[in-house]
Amino acid sequence: VQWCAAHGHPVLALRIEGGDRYFVVAIGAEDAAGLAPGPAEDTGKVRLYRLLDDAVAGLGGRPLAVWLHVGGDGVLRATLRVDGPRGEVALPAHFADGVALAHRARLPLLMGDADLARVPLDPG
């Protein structure tokens, strides 16, 4: 997570595995605080990734991976894949919460080739 001085908002740079290419995603200040490695200021709001952590564990599930995909509106979205008592399920998640879940649980953060082709990649 970095501050983009040119545009006046935080951004998240995601590096493509196996290469030096990356893409940058604009995020809100609250999302940046949720992804920060240190404790964020308590805003009184419960982050979705904490709720999902507790819900998945409470239902006897195990998170498998987070998939990123580009919506029809061009906005990056996330889906949490969970292995539960009834089999594997997909749970939609806000992009930043999906990234936070993947980071906290050491889950793979995946993106299909078709979605990756829709984002502008920069050389490393």
Protein backbone atom coordinates (compact mmCIF):
# COMPACT_ATOMS: atom_id res chain seq x y z
CA VAL A 1 0.00 0.00 0.00
CA GLN A 2 1.39 3.35 -1.05
CA TRP A 3 0.19 6.94 -1.28
CA CYS A 4 -0.23 8.20 -4.85
CA ALA A 5 0.80 11.84 -4.65
CA ALA A 6 -0.22 12.46 -8.26
CA HIS A 7 -3.83 11.41 -7.65
CA GLY A 8 -4.18 12.08 -3.91
CA HIS A 9 -5.28 8.63 -2.72
CA PRO A 10 -3.79 5.32 -1.59
CA VAL A 11 -2.97 2.58 -4.09
CA LEU A 12 -2.12 -1.09 -3.82
CA ALA A 13 0.53 -2.54 -6.16
CA LEU A 14 0.01 -6.23 -6.96
CA ARG A 15 3.00 -8.05 -8.45
CA ILE A 16 2.42 -10.93 -10.88
CA GLU A 17 4.06 -14.16 -9.67
CA GLY A 18 6.92 -15.43 -11.80
CA GLY A 19 7.80 -12.06 -13.26
CA ASP A 20 8.46 -8.41 -12.64
CA ARG A 21 5.13 -7.13 -13.96
CA TYR A 22 2.59 -5.55 -11.65
CA PHE A 23 -0.62 -3.54 -11.69
CA VAL A 24 -1.83 -0.77 -9.41
CA VAL A 25 -5.30 -0.52 -7.87
CA ALA A 26 -6.75 2.67 -6.38
CA ILE A 27 -8.23 2.05 -2.91
CA GLY A 28 -9.98 4.14 -0.28
CA ALA A 29 -8.35 5.38 2.91
CA GLU A 30 -10.30 2.90 5.09
CA ASP A 31 -9.27 0.02 2.82
CA ALA A 32 -5.64 1.13 3.04
CA ALA A 33 -5.88 1.19 6.84
CA GLY A 34 -7.37 -2.32 6.79
CA LEU A 35 -4.43 -3.58 4.71
CA ALA A 36 -1.76 -1.77 6.72
CA PRO A 37 0.71 -4.06 8.54
CA GLY A 38 0.39 -2.13 11.81
CA PRO A 39 -2.66 -1.42 13.93
CA ALA A 40 -5.00 1.08 12.32
CA GLU A 41 -6.90 3.79 14.11
CA ASP A 42 -10.09 2.32 15.58
CA THR A 43 -12.98 3.77 13.54
CA GLY A 44 -15.58 1.67 15.34
CA LYS A 45 -16.31 -0.23 12.11
CA VAL A 46 -15.84 -3.98 11.87
CA ARG A 47 -13.80 -4.96 8.84
CA LEU A 48 -15.44 -7.60 6.67
CA TYR A 49 -12.36 -9.85 6.71
CA ARG A 50 -12.70 -10.22 10.50
CA LEU A 51 -16.37 -11.17 10.13
CA LEU A 52 -15.52 -13.69 7.38
CA ASP A 53 -12.67 -15.14 9.46
CA ASP A 54 -15.03 -15.75 12.37
CA ALA A 55 -17.94 -16.99 10.23
CA VAL A 56 -15.82 -19.48 8.27
CA ALA A 57 -14.21 -20.84 11.44
CA GLY A 58 -17.55 -20.97 13.26
CA LEU A 59 -19.11 -23.01 10.45
CA GLY A 60 -16.24 -25.49 10.42
CA GLY A 61 -14.85 -24.24 7.14
CA ARG A 62 -11.33 -23.70 5.87
CA PRO A 63 -10.43 -20.87 3.47
CA LEU A 64 -8.69 -22.13 0.32
CA ALA A 65 -7.90 -19.14 -1.89
CA VAL A 66 -9.03 -15.68 -2.93
CA TRP A 67 -9.80 -15.08 -6.60
CA LEU A 68 -9.68 -11.58 -8.06
CA HIS A 69 -11.84 -10.73 -11.05
CA VAL A 70 -12.83 -7.62 -12.98
CA GLY A 71 -16.55 -6.82 -12.88
CA GLY A 72 -18.52 -5.65 -15.89
CA ASP A 73 -18.09 -2.10 -14.58
CA GLY A 74 -14.28 -2.46 -14.66
CA VAL A 75 -14.02 -2.62 -10.85
CA LEU A 76 -11.76 -5.24 -9.29
CA ARG A 77 -13.65 -7.66 -7.03
CA ALA A 78 -12.76 -10.70 -4.89
CA THR A 79 -14.24 -14.12 -4.21
CA LEU A 80 -13.22 -16.21 -1.20
CA ARG A 81 -13.17 -19.97 -1.90
CA VAL A 82 -13.98 -21.95 1.25
CA ASP A 83 -13.95 -25.68 1.91
CA GLY A 84 -16.81 -26.37 4.34
CA PRO A 85 -18.83 -29.29 5.67
CA ARG A 86 -21.04 -29.18 2.54
CA GLY A 87 -18.16 -28.89 0.09
CA GLU A 88 -16.47 -25.94 -1.58
CA VAL A 89 -18.33 -22.64 -1.76
CA ALA A 90 -17.56 -19.20 -3.18
CA LEU A 91 -18.23 -16.13 -1.06
CA PRO A 92 -18.14 -12.69 -2.67
CA ALA A 93 -15.94 -10.18 -0.85
CA HIS A 94 -14.92 -6.57 -1.23
CA PHE A 95 -11.59 -6.37 -3.08
CA ALA A 96 -9.58 -4.99 -0.14
CA ASP A 97 -11.15 -7.46 2.29
CA GLY A 98 -10.28 -10.32 -0.08
CA VAL A 99 -6.66 -9.17 -0.24
CA ALA A 100 -6.56 -8.80 3.57
CA LEU A 101 -8.02 -12.31 4.00
CA ALA A 102 -5.45 -13.78 1.63
CA HIS A 103 -2.62 -12.00 3.40
CA ARG A 104 -3.77 -12.85 6.95
CA ALA A 105 -4.47 -16.53 6.21
CA ARG A 106 -1.50 -16.96 3.83
CA LEU A 107 -3.90 -17.93 1.04
CA PRO A 108 -3.09 -17.82 -2.65
CA LEU A 109 -4.33 -14.64 -4.33
CA LEU A 110 -5.34 -15.80 -7.82
CA MET A 111 -6.55 -14.15 -11.01
CA GLY A 112 -7.63 -15.75 -14.27
CA ASP A 113 -5.87 -14.92 -17.54
CA ALA A 114 -8.97 -13.24 -19.00
CA ASP A 115 -9.27 -10.90 -16.00
CA LEU A 116 -5.54 -10.25 -15.90
CA ALA A 117 -5.70 -9.23 -19.58
CA ARG A 118 -8.20 -6.49 -18.59
CA VAL A 119 -5.82 -4.66 -16.23
CA PRO A 120 -2.94 -2.48 -17.43
CA LEU A 121 0.36 -4.11 -16.43
CA ASP A 122 3.52 -2.13 -15.79
CA PRO A 123 7.03 -3.56 -16.16
CA GLY A 124 8.83 -4.01 -12.84
